[in-house]
Amino acid sequence: MAKNVFHKVLIIEDQQDMQSVLKRFLEERSYQVTTADNAEIGLELFDENQPDIILMDLMLPGMSGLEATKIIRQNHSDKAYTPIIMLTAKTNTDDIVTGLEIGADDYVVKPFNFEELAARINSALRIKRLNELLVKQSRDLEAANLKIITLNENLVDKNKDLRKNLFSLHNLFEISWELNSILELNRLINSTLLTMIGQFSCKSALFLLVSKHSKDILEIINHKGYHQKDVKDLYIDKSDPLVSYFKLHPMPYPLKDLNKRIPKSSAAKQLSALDVEIITPITIQDFVEGFICLGPRIKEKGYEKREFEHISILSNIVSIAVSNASLYEEIEQLSYTDGMTDLHNYRYFELRLKEEVMRHKRTKNPLSLLILDVDNFKNFNDTMGHPEGDQVLRKIANILKETVRENDIVARYGGEEFAIILPAVEHEGANILAERIRQKIEETYFEHEEVQPTGKVTVSVGGASAPENAQNFKELIHKADSALYAAKRSGRNLVKMYKPEMIK
């Protein structure tokens, strides 16, 4: 294991147990660790010790971690750059966004995997080294530029080139801040391609990333300078030699050189057919998770050596930004998902039903809502226990997902209740689907269902439609709920669509 003797870590964390565990974990890896119980002490220790990296808890007594981060970024911009990794809880997505916007570099969610934390610390330290390298190069270039002007006016062309390189390096700083502040993945990728085209004056660019549907495939997420028909069938299998090559050599390469080195790569041949000239990998935790591909230059000249270095720097920056955006997307998705059934939760259901009601008013297309309740579910839970009851709910959730259309919205409404939003489905169509669901659940075998009063697990279903029964969001829920209670009162294991005489 690599030694980290020269890396100093400042931990600002008010929970003593967490502080102790973090301190011990990092000291075992040869980091020099200083700790603070609050932000005020942490800022004093920051000035005294000049740590290489800060682990900052967002929730601190007195001054918050966000306020401390803002002070460090505003008041210490003239000092060596110090990465800040936020320590937070899953529910603090707003604080995470604010923290990243005011200058934090990364975050980990409590409780966290310590190996992941170590990887994120190493990644932040790599960026710090890169930042210091770029600052040093910038200063060296400035000094060299002044010396050249003083010594010999005949070196004007060289001077211009150095200025251009300096400008590019400064641009990289700006681009790094901008890209790392974008947390919406598709917008990040679009900005990346526009940045690449602007920086390197190329005619076209592609961005491939691991597919959400298959972790073994890299698919095109966005492209510039191509017709859709030319790239719609392009994908790269992770078993392709191109991916293996970049795992060992994570840096930009000219495609013509790669064709000689890996002649059996079908992906390289496909990219050649699209006139790709440069390929650079997107690596996350040492795995190749995507590629940025650049086409020919607008002017007829090749890519220069320094431009390959800049492409490499940019691809590293983009890799970190993609990782951050993907994690943010996962956290956001968790806020709309019921953890037990993997269906949408009530929060998502409410949001989508309001959207569909607005769409119904605009398009005049019908809209229906079904609410299902598991009959005598308390009896099953009391007899068999909650773990077995959870299995019943999961099985019903799977039946619902398999039975509805792709654009229908299935959600866990609460407890043993489920809801289904049916866009563009009228009253009669909703009744037919509800009966099909009720019958399918009745015919499905559920383990231990013999303990139920009828010997079967069954559901009661209530439904309502717009515009027949309701004109707004609240009315539609109320009418469907009234129909459900009517089904319960009528003996259970029934479907009832709302009628005016139904009173909850």
Protein backbone atom coordinates (compact mmCIF):
# COMPACT_ATOMS: atom_id res chain seq x y z
CA MET A 1 0.00 0.00 0.00
CA ALA A 2 1.32 3.45 -0.94
CA LYS A 3 2.50 5.59 1.98
CA ASN A 4 0.86 8.97 2.51
CA VAL A 5 3.34 10.43 5.07
CA PHE A 6 3.29 13.87 3.52
CA HIS A 7 -0.50 14.15 3.26
CA LYS A 8 -2.13 16.08 6.09
CA VAL A 9 -5.87 15.64 6.72
CA LEU A 10 -8.06 17.98 8.78
CA ILE A 11 -11.27 16.33 10.07
CA ILE A 12 -14.00 18.76 11.20
CA GLU A 13 -16.62 16.50 12.82
CA ASP A 14 -18.56 17.01 16.07
CA GLN A 15 -19.48 13.33 16.59
CA GLN A 16 -16.60 11.96 18.67
CA ASP A 17 -17.16 8.32 17.64
CA MET A 18 -17.12 9.17 13.94
CA GLN A 19 -14.14 11.48 14.44
CA SER A 20 -12.18 8.72 16.21
CA VAL A 21 -13.00 6.07 13.62
CA LEU A 22 -12.01 8.37 10.73
CA LYS A 23 -8.79 9.39 12.51
CA ARG A 24 -7.77 5.80 13.17
CA PHE A 25 -8.66 4.69 9.62
CA LEU A 26 -6.57 7.46 8.02
CA GLU A 27 -3.62 7.16 10.41
CA GLU A 28 -3.42 3.45 9.58
CA ARG A 29 -2.87 4.61 6.00
CA SER A 30 -0.04 6.93 7.07
CA TYR A 31 -1.98 10.21 6.83
CA GLN A 32 -1.18 12.94 9.36
CA VAL A 33 -4.55 13.70 10.95
CA THR A 34 -5.73 16.78 12.88
CA THR A 35 -9.28 16.94 14.29
CA ALA A 36 -11.68 19.69 15.31
CA ASP A 37 -15.07 19.46 17.07
CA ASN A 38 -16.50 22.56 15.41
CA ALA A 39 -15.99 24.86 12.43
CA GLU A 40 -14.45 27.72 14.43
CA ILE A 41 -11.62 25.54 15.74
CA GLY A 42 -11.35 23.89 12.33
CA LEU A 43 -10.70 27.25 10.63
CA GLU A 44 -7.96 28.07 13.16
CA LEU A 45 -6.30 24.67 12.57
CA PHE A 46 -6.62 25.19 8.82
CA ASP A 47 -4.61 28.45 9.06
CA GLU A 48 -2.02 26.90 11.39
CA ASN A 49 -1.45 23.54 9.67
CA GLN A 50 -2.33 24.15 5.99
CA PRO A 51 -3.71 20.60 5.50
CA ASP A 52 -3.70 18.86 2.12
CA ILE A 53 -7.40 17.95 2.37
CA ILE A 54 -10.40 18.62 4.65
CA LEU A 55 -13.19 16.22 5.64
CA MET A 56 -16.03 18.58 6.63
CA ASP A 57 -19.27 17.54 8.38
CA LEU A 58 -22.15 19.72 7.12
CA MET A 59 -24.07 19.62 10.42
CA LEU A 60 -21.87 21.24 13.07
CA PRO A 61 -22.65 23.10 16.31
CA GLY A 62 -22.42 26.86 15.84
CA MET A 63 -21.04 27.65 12.40
CA SER A 64 -22.19 25.05 9.83
CA GLY A 65 -19.91 23.12 7.49
CA LEU A 66 -21.38 25.07 4.56
CA GLU A 67 -20.44 28.41 6.17
CA ALA A 68 -16.92 27.17 6.94
CA THR A 69 -16.49 25.94 3.35
CA LYS A 70 -17.59 29.33 2.02
CA ILE A 71 -15.10 31.16 4.30
CA ILE A 72 -12.21 28.93 3.19
CA ARG A 73 -12.99 29.48 -0.49
CA GLN A 74 -13.51 33.26 -0.13
CA ASN A 75 -10.68 34.12 2.29
CA HIS A 76 -7.95 31.71 1.25
CA SER A 77 -8.03 31.87 -2.55
CA ASP A 78 -4.41 33.13 -2.58
CA LYS A 79 -3.15 30.03 -0.77
CA ALA A 80 -2.52 26.52 -2.12
CA TYR A 81 -5.82 24.93 -3.10
CA THR A 82 -7.21 22.55 -0.46
CA PRO A 83 -9.88 20.01 -1.54
CA ILE A 84 -12.93 19.75 0.73
CA ILE A 85 -14.97 16.53 0.98
CA MET A 86 -18.37 16.96 2.66
CA LEU A 87 -19.67 14.38 5.15
CA THR A 88 -23.47 14.33 5.07
CA ALA A 89 -26.66 12.27 5.40
CA LYS A 90 -28.80 10.90 2.51
CA THR A 91 -31.62 13.38 3.06
CA ASN A 92 -29.43 16.48 2.71
CA THR A 93 -29.51 16.69 -1.12
CA ASP A 94 -30.16 20.46 -1.01
CA ASP A 95 -27.14 20.97 1.26
CA ILE A 96 -25.04 18.76 -1.04
CA VAL A 97 -25.94 20.90 -4.05
CA THR A 98 -25.23 24.12 -2.09
CA GLY A 99 -21.92 22.73 -0.84
CA LEU A 100 -20.73 21.80 -4.32
CA GLU A 101 -21.84 25.18 -5.66
CA ILE A 102 -19.88 27.19 -3.04
CA GLY A 103 -16.67 25.25 -3.49
CA ALA A 104 -16.72 21.75 -1.97
CA ASP A 105 -15.12 19.21 -4.29
CA ASP A 106 -16.92 15.99 -3.40
CA TYR A 107 -19.12 14.37 -0.78
CA VAL A 108 -19.71 11.03 0.92
CA VAL A 109 -22.99 9.95 2.45
CA LYS A 110 -23.16 8.60 6.02
CA PRO A 111 -22.93 5.76 6.71
CA PHE A 112 -20.20 5.38 4.12
CA ASN A 113 -17.89 2.66 2.87
CA PHE A 114 -14.41 3.48 4.15
CA GLU A 115 -12.70 2.10 1.05
CA GLU A 116 -14.87 4.40 -1.06
CA LEU A 117 -13.87 7.30 1.23
CA ALA A 118 -10.20 6.40 0.75
CA ALA A 119 -10.71 6.33 -3.03
CA ARG A 120 -12.41 9.74 -2.97
CA ILE A 121 -9.59 11.19 -0.84
CA ASN A 122 -7.03 9.84 -3.31
CA SER A 123 -9.04 11.27 -6.21
CA ALA A 124 -9.23 14.70 -4.55
CA LEU A 125 -5.50 14.65 -3.85
CA ARG A 126 -4.85 13.82 -7.51
CA ILE A 127 -6.90 16.86 -8.52
CA LYS A 128 -4.96 18.95 -5.96
CA ARG A 129 -1.69 17.80 -7.50
CA LEU A 130 -3.05 18.56 -10.95
CA ASN A 131 -4.15 22.01 -9.75
CA GLU A 132 -0.69 22.70 -8.29
CA LEU A 133 0.95 21.45 -11.47
CA LEU A 134 -1.17 23.73 -13.62
CA VAL A 135 -0.47 26.72 -11.35
CA LYS A 136 3.25 25.99 -11.51
CA GLN A 137 3.09 25.61 -15.29
CA SER A 138 1.16 28.86 -15.52
CA ARG A 139 3.76 30.73 -13.45
CA ASP A 140 6.64 29.12 -15.34
CA LEU A 141 5.10 30.08 -18.64
CA GLU A 142 4.59 33.66 -17.51
CA ALA A 143 8.22 33.91 -16.46
CA ALA A 144 9.43 32.27 -19.65
CA ASN A 145 7.25 34.60 -21.70
CA LEU A 146 8.72 37.72 -20.08
CA LYS A 147 12.25 36.41 -20.51
CA ILE A 148 11.69 35.64 -24.19
CA ILE A 149 10.32 39.13 -24.89
CA THR A 150 13.28 40.72 -23.08
CA LEU A 151 15.98 38.59 -24.73
CA ASN A 152 14.96 38.39 -28.35
CA GLU A 153 12.22 39.95 -30.41
CA ASN A 154 12.82 37.28 -33.07
CA LEU A 155 11.10 34.76 -30.79
CA VAL A 156 7.69 36.41 -31.20
CA ASP A 157 6.13 33.27 -32.66
CA LYS A 158 7.27 31.19 -29.71
CA ASN A 159 5.97 33.82 -27.36
CA LYS A 160 2.55 33.68 -28.98
CA ASP A 161 2.51 29.92 -28.60
CA LEU A 162 3.32 30.17 -24.91
CA ARG A 163 0.58 32.73 -24.42
CA LYS A 164 -1.83 30.45 -26.18
CA ASN A 165 -0.86 27.57 -23.91
CA LEU A 166 -1.21 29.77 -20.86
CA PHE A 167 -4.65 30.86 -22.00
CA SER A 168 -5.64 27.23 -22.50
CA LEU A 169 -4.46 26.33 -19.00
CA HIS A 170 -6.45 29.17 -17.48
CA ASN A 171 -9.44 27.99 -19.50
CA LEU A 172 -9.01 24.53 -18.01
CA PHE A 173 -9.35 26.00 -14.52
CA GLU A 174 -12.58 27.74 -15.51
CA ILE A 175 -13.91 24.64 -17.27
CA SER A 176 -13.10 22.47 -14.25
CA TRP A 177 -15.18 24.68 -11.93
CA GLU A 178 -18.03 24.90 -14.41
CA LEU A 179 -18.29 21.18 -15.19
CA ASN A 180 -18.01 20.10 -11.56
CA SER A 181 -20.90 22.41 -10.66
CA ILE A 182 -23.29 20.63 -13.08
CA LEU A 183 -25.14 17.79 -11.33
CA GLU A 184 -27.63 16.91 -14.08
CA LEU A 185 -25.90 14.16 -16.09
CA ASN A 186 -27.32 14.90 -19.55
CA ARG A 187 -26.60 18.62 -19.21
CA LEU A 188 -23.07 17.81 -18.04
CA ILE A 189 -22.44 15.61 -21.09
CA ASN A 190 -23.86 18.22 -23.46
CA SER A 191 -21.65 20.92 -21.90
CA THR A 192 -18.63 18.61 -22.15
CA LEU A 193 -19.08 18.09 -25.90
CA LEU A 194 -19.60 21.81 -26.52
CA THR A 195 -16.48 22.54 -24.46
CA MET A 196 -14.39 19.99 -26.39
CA ILE A 197 -15.51 21.36 -29.75
CA GLY A 198 -14.83 24.93 -28.62
CA GLN A 199 -11.44 24.17 -27.07
CA PHE A 200 -10.03 22.07 -29.90
CA SER A 201 -11.95 23.40 -32.93
CA CYS A 202 -13.09 19.97 -34.09
CA LYS A 203 -15.96 19.32 -36.48
CA SER A 204 -17.64 16.56 -34.47
CA ALA A 205 -17.67 14.83 -31.08
CA LEU A 206 -19.27 11.77 -29.44
CA PHE A 207 -19.88 10.88 -25.80
CA LEU A 208 -20.38 7.20 -24.93
CA LEU A 209 -21.24 6.04 -21.42
CA VAL A 210 -22.16 2.74 -19.78
CA SER A 211 -25.79 1.90 -20.56
CA LYS A 212 -28.41 2.08 -17.81
CA HIS A 213 -29.95 -1.08 -19.25
CA SER A 214 -26.75 -3.14 -19.49
CA LYS A 215 -23.52 -2.57 -17.58
CA ASP A 216 -21.65 -4.47 -20.31
CA ILE A 217 -22.36 -1.94 -23.06
CA LEU A 218 -21.24 1.63 -23.74
CA GLU A 219 -23.87 3.57 -25.68
CA ILE A 220 -24.01 7.02 -27.23
CA ILE A 221 -25.49 9.57 -24.83
CA ASN A 222 -24.92 12.68 -26.95
CA HIS A 223 -23.18 13.72 -30.16
CA LYS A 224 -22.36 16.85 -32.14
CA GLY A 225 -21.73 17.11 -35.87
CA TYR A 226 -23.39 13.81 -36.87
CA HIS A 227 -26.76 12.87 -38.32
CA GLN A 228 -28.78 10.68 -35.94
CA LYS A 229 -29.07 7.91 -38.55
CA ASP A 230 -25.26 7.64 -38.72
CA VAL A 231 -24.78 6.96 -34.99
CA LYS A 232 -28.08 5.44 -33.80
CA ASP A 233 -26.78 1.85 -33.98
CA LEU A 234 -23.34 2.54 -32.49
CA TYR A 235 -22.46 0.88 -29.20
CA ILE A 236 -19.28 -0.64 -27.75
CA ASP A 237 -19.24 -3.94 -25.91
CA LYS A 238 -17.04 -3.83 -22.81
CA SER A 239 -15.37 -7.04 -23.98
CA ASP A 240 -14.00 -5.21 -27.02
CA PRO A 241 -10.15 -4.91 -27.07
CA LEU A 242 -10.55 -1.12 -27.24
CA VAL A 243 -11.91 -1.04 -23.67
CA SER A 244 -9.17 -3.38 -22.40
CA TYR A 245 -6.49 -1.23 -24.03
CA PHE A 246 -7.70 1.97 -22.36
CA LYS A 247 -7.93 0.23 -18.98
CA LEU A 248 -4.15 -0.27 -19.22
CA HIS A 249 -3.45 3.07 -20.97
CA PRO A 250 -5.94 5.68 -19.62
CA MET A 251 -4.94 8.61 -21.82
CA PRO A 252 -5.98 10.12 -25.18
CA TYR A 253 -4.83 8.31 -28.33
CA PRO A 254 -5.10 8.92 -32.07
CA LEU A 255 -7.47 6.36 -33.55
CA LYS A 256 -5.09 5.60 -36.45
CA ASP A 257 -2.48 4.40 -33.92
CA LEU A 258 -5.05 2.29 -32.07
CA ASN A 259 -6.05 0.51 -35.29
CA LYS A 260 -2.45 -0.70 -35.57
CA ARG A 261 -2.18 -1.69 -31.90
CA ILE A 262 -5.55 -3.44 -31.61
CA PRO A 263 -6.44 -4.58 -35.16
CA LYS A 264 -9.15 -6.97 -33.90
CA SER A 265 -11.25 -4.20 -32.32
CA SER A 266 -14.61 -3.91 -34.09
CA ALA A 267 -15.34 -0.74 -32.05
CA ALA A 268 -12.23 0.97 -33.42
CA LYS A 269 -13.34 0.12 -36.98
CA GLN A 270 -16.83 1.55 -36.31
CA LEU A 271 -15.36 4.76 -34.95
CA SER A 272 -12.98 5.02 -37.91
CA ALA A 273 -15.99 4.89 -40.22
CA LEU A 274 -17.35 7.95 -38.35
CA ASP A 275 -14.10 9.86 -39.03
CA VAL A 276 -13.10 9.88 -35.34
CA GLU A 277 -9.49 11.02 -34.84
CA ILE A 278 -8.98 11.11 -31.04
CA ILE A 279 -10.37 8.83 -28.31
CA THR A 280 -10.00 9.56 -24.59
CA PRO A 281 -11.47 7.38 -21.81
CA ILE A 282 -13.87 8.26 -18.99
CA THR A 283 -12.56 6.28 -16.01
CA ILE A 284 -14.40 5.92 -12.71
CA GLN A 285 -12.71 4.00 -9.89
CA ASP A 286 -10.16 2.65 -12.39
CA PHE A 287 -12.86 1.22 -14.68
CA VAL A 288 -13.44 2.44 -18.23
CA GLU A 289 -17.05 3.67 -18.09
CA GLY A 290 -17.16 5.73 -21.28
CA PHE A 291 -15.34 7.49 -24.11
CA ILE A 292 -15.13 10.98 -25.57
CA CYS A 293 -14.38 10.82 -29.30
CA LEU A 294 -13.24 13.87 -31.28
CA GLY A 295 -13.47 14.27 -35.05
CA PRO A 296 -11.13 16.15 -37.42
CA ARG A 297 -10.14 19.78 -36.88
CA ILE A 298 -11.99 22.58 -38.66
CA LYS A 299 -8.65 23.76 -40.02
CA GLU A 300 -6.54 21.16 -41.79
CA LYS A 301 -3.99 20.50 -39.08
CA GLY A 302 -3.45 17.72 -36.57
CA TYR A 303 -3.70 17.77 -32.79
CA GLU A 304 -0.56 19.07 -31.09
CA LYS A 305 1.26 17.40 -28.19
CA ARG A 306 0.13 20.02 -25.68
CA GLU A 307 -3.47 19.56 -26.84
CA PHE A 308 -3.25 15.86 -26.02
CA GLU A 309 -2.17 16.87 -22.51
CA HIS A 310 -5.11 19.25 -22.25
CA ILE A 311 -7.52 16.58 -23.52
CA SER A 312 -6.14 14.23 -20.86
CA ILE A 313 -6.68 16.84 -18.14
CA LEU A 314 -10.20 17.55 -19.35
CA SER A 315 -11.14 13.86 -19.52
CA ASN A 316 -9.97 13.42 -15.89
CA ILE A 317 -12.05 16.43 -14.85
CA VAL A 318 -15.08 15.08 -16.75
CA SER A 319 -14.64 11.62 -15.19
CA ILE A 320 -14.96 13.10 -11.70
CA ALA A 321 -17.89 15.30 -12.76
CA VAL A 322 -19.70 12.30 -14.31
CA SER A 323 -19.17 10.29 -11.13
CA ASN A 324 -20.60 13.15 -9.01
CA ALA A 325 -23.57 13.64 -11.33
CA SER A 326 -24.32 9.89 -11.39
CA LEU A 327 -24.27 9.73 -7.59
CA TYR A 328 -26.53 12.77 -7.35
CA GLU A 329 -28.92 11.14 -9.84
CA GLU A 330 -29.01 7.96 -7.72
CA ILE A 331 -29.72 9.95 -4.55
CA GLU A 332 -32.48 11.90 -6.30
CA GLN A 333 -33.99 8.63 -7.61
CA LEU A 334 -34.00 7.17 -4.09
CA SER A 335 -36.18 10.05 -2.92
CA TYR A 336 -38.92 8.92 -5.35
CA THR A 337 -38.69 5.14 -4.79
CA ASP A 338 -40.31 2.89 -2.20
CA GLY A 339 -37.44 0.85 -0.83
CA MET A 340 -39.45 -2.26 -0.02
CA THR A 341 -41.43 -2.80 -3.25
CA ASP A 342 -39.14 -0.84 -5.64
CA LEU A 343 -42.24 0.98 -6.90
CA HIS A 344 -42.63 4.75 -7.00
CA ASN A 345 -43.48 6.21 -3.58
CA TYR A 346 -46.36 8.51 -2.63
CA ARG A 347 -44.25 11.62 -3.19
CA TYR A 348 -43.65 10.63 -6.81
CA PHE A 349 -47.26 9.51 -7.26
CA GLU A 350 -48.59 12.88 -6.09
CA LEU A 351 -46.20 14.76 -8.37
CA ARG A 352 -47.09 12.68 -11.44
CA LEU A 353 -50.84 12.70 -10.83
CA LYS A 354 -50.80 16.50 -10.68
CA GLU A 355 -48.86 16.56 -13.96
CA GLU A 356 -51.30 14.15 -15.62
CA VAL A 357 -54.32 16.15 -14.42
CA MET A 358 -52.79 19.28 -15.98
CA ARG A 359 -52.10 17.37 -19.21
CA HIS A 360 -55.70 16.07 -19.22
CA LYS A 361 -57.04 19.62 -18.95
CA ARG A 362 -54.78 20.73 -21.78
CA THR A 363 -55.31 17.82 -24.22
CA LYS A 364 -58.86 16.78 -23.15
CA ASN A 365 -57.68 13.14 -23.17
CA PRO A 366 -59.27 10.94 -20.47
CA LEU A 367 -57.44 10.09 -17.25
CA SER A 368 -58.19 7.33 -14.74
CA LEU A 369 -56.95 6.40 -11.29
CA LEU A 370 -57.12 3.03 -9.52
CA ILE A 371 -56.47 2.50 -5.80
CA LEU A 372 -55.97 -1.08 -4.55
CA ASP A 373 -56.05 -2.37 -0.99
CA VAL A 374 -54.99 -5.87 0.14
CA ASP A 375 -58.01 -7.50 1.83
CA ASN A 376 -57.61 -8.49 5.49
CA PHE A 377 -53.90 -7.70 5.37
CA LYS A 378 -53.72 -7.05 9.12
CA ASN A 379 -54.85 -10.62 9.71
CA PHE A 380 -52.00 -11.91 7.50
CA ASN A 381 -49.41 -9.71 9.23
CA ASP A 382 -50.65 -10.60 12.73
CA THR A 383 -50.63 -14.33 11.90
CA MET A 384 -47.47 -14.71 9.81
CA GLY A 385 -45.45 -11.64 10.81
CA HIS A 386 -44.37 -8.54 8.94
CA PRO A 387 -41.52 -10.16 6.90
CA GLU A 388 -44.02 -12.55 5.28
CA GLY A 389 -46.44 -9.66 4.80
CA ASP A 390 -43.70 -7.73 3.00
CA GLN A 391 -43.24 -10.69 0.63
CA VAL A 392 -46.93 -10.48 -0.28
CA LEU A 393 -46.63 -6.76 -1.04
CA ARG A 394 -43.56 -7.33 -3.20
CA LYS A 395 -45.30 -10.05 -5.17
CA ILE A 396 -48.36 -7.86 -5.75
CA ALA A 397 -46.05 -5.01 -6.84
CA ASN A 398 -44.49 -7.31 -9.46
CA ILE A 399 -47.93 -8.38 -10.70
CA LEU A 400 -48.94 -4.74 -11.11
CA LYS A 401 -45.76 -3.86 -13.04
CA GLU A 402 -46.26 -6.85 -15.35
CA THR A 403 -49.96 -6.11 -16.00
CA VAL A 404 -50.03 -2.38 -16.74
CA ARG A 405 -48.83 -0.56 -19.86
CA GLU A 406 -45.33 0.91 -20.09
CA ASN A 407 -46.54 4.50 -19.65
CA ASP A 408 -48.87 3.75 -16.70
CA ILE A 409 -47.56 4.85 -13.29
CA VAL A 410 -47.65 2.30 -10.46
CA ALA A 411 -46.93 3.51 -6.92
CA ARG A 412 -47.11 2.29 -3.36
CA TYR A 413 -49.85 4.52 -1.99
CA GLY A 414 -49.19 3.64 1.65
CA GLY A 415 -49.19 0.54 3.87
CA GLU A 416 -50.94 -2.21 1.91
CA GLU A 417 -52.44 0.21 -0.64
CA PHE A 418 -51.26 0.72 -4.22
CA ALA A 419 -52.23 3.30 -6.83
CA ILE A 420 -52.14 3.19 -10.64
CA ILE A 421 -52.34 6.32 -12.81
CA LEU A 422 -53.75 5.53 -16.25
CA PRO A 423 -53.13 8.35 -18.77
CA ALA A 424 -55.48 8.42 -21.78
CA VAL A 425 -57.68 5.63 -20.30
CA GLU A 426 -61.42 6.19 -19.97
CA HIS A 427 -63.81 4.90 -17.29
CA GLU A 428 -64.61 1.55 -18.96
CA GLY A 429 -60.99 0.82 -19.87
CA ALA A 430 -59.94 1.42 -16.28
CA ASN A 431 -62.66 -0.96 -15.06
CA ILE A 432 -61.44 -3.71 -17.43
CA LEU A 433 -57.82 -3.33 -16.29
CA ALA A 434 -58.85 -3.26 -12.61
CA GLU A 435 -60.81 -6.49 -13.02
CA ARG A 436 -57.88 -8.10 -14.82
CA ILE A 437 -55.56 -7.15 -11.93
CA ARG A 438 -58.01 -8.31 -9.28
CA GLN A 439 -58.48 -11.66 -11.03
CA LYS A 440 -54.75 -12.18 -11.59
CA ILE A 441 -53.99 -11.59 -7.91
CA GLU A 442 -56.80 -13.93 -6.86
CA GLU A 443 -55.45 -16.66 -9.17
CA THR A 444 -51.83 -16.22 -8.01
CA TYR A 445 -50.59 -18.43 -5.20
CA PHE A 446 -49.13 -16.58 -2.22
CA GLU A 447 -47.23 -18.55 0.40
CA HIS A 448 -49.27 -18.98 3.63
CA GLU A 449 -52.38 -17.42 2.04
CA GLU A 450 -54.46 -20.18 3.64
CA VAL A 451 -54.45 -18.14 6.90
CA GLN A 452 -56.70 -15.54 5.25
CA PRO A 453 -60.46 -15.66 5.98
CA THR A 454 -61.19 -16.69 2.37
CA GLY A 455 -58.09 -18.88 2.06
CA LYS A 456 -56.70 -16.53 -0.61
CA VAL A 457 -54.83 -13.25 -0.84
CA THR A 458 -57.13 -10.85 -2.65
CA VAL A 459 -57.46 -7.12 -3.30
CA SER A 460 -60.30 -4.65 -3.48
CA VAL A 461 -60.05 -1.97 -6.17
CA GLY A 462 -61.65 1.44 -6.47
CA GLY A 463 -61.42 3.66 -9.52
CA ALA A 464 -62.44 7.05 -10.83
CA SER A 465 -61.96 8.92 -14.08
CA ALA A 466 -61.69 12.44 -15.38
CA PRO A 467 -63.66 14.20 -16.64
CA GLU A 468 -66.62 11.93 -15.70
CA ASN A 469 -66.01 11.90 -11.93
CA ALA A 470 -63.51 14.62 -11.16
CA GLN A 471 -62.07 17.89 -12.39
CA ASN A 472 -58.92 18.16 -10.29
CA PHE A 473 -56.26 16.22 -8.42
CA LYS A 474 -57.99 16.09 -5.02
CA GLU A 475 -61.37 15.12 -6.47
CA LEU A 476 -59.88 12.25 -8.46
CA ILE A 477 -58.18 10.77 -5.37
CA HIS A 478 -61.30 11.27 -3.23
CA LYS A 479 -63.60 9.61 -5.77
CA ALA A 480 -61.27 6.63 -6.32
CA ASP A 481 -60.89 6.25 -2.55
CA SER A 482 -64.69 6.35 -2.10
CA ALA A 483 -65.05 3.62 -4.74
CA LEU A 484 -62.44 1.51 -2.90
CA TYR A 485 -64.37 1.76 0.36
CA ALA A 486 -67.54 0.83 -1.48
CA ALA A 487 -65.78 -2.33 -2.71
CA LYS A 488 -64.71 -3.09 0.86
CA ARG A 489 -68.23 -2.58 2.21
CA SER A 490 -69.66 -4.80 -0.51
CA GLY A 491 -67.65 -7.84 0.57
CA ARG A 492 -64.05 -7.29 -0.64
CA ASN A 493 -62.28 -8.92 -3.60
CA LEU A 494 -64.28 -6.60 -5.84
CA VAL A 495 -63.78 -3.77 -8.33
CA LYS A 496 -65.92 -0.67 -7.97
CA MET A 497 -65.78 2.35 -10.25
CA TYR A 498 -67.05 5.56 -8.71
CA LYS A 499 -70.75 6.44 -8.82
CA PRO A 500 -72.35 9.51 -7.23
CA GLU A 501 -74.25 7.42 -4.65
CA MET A 502 -70.97 6.18 -3.13
CA ILE A 503 -70.27 8.13 0.04
CA LYS A 504 -67.06 7.45 1.88
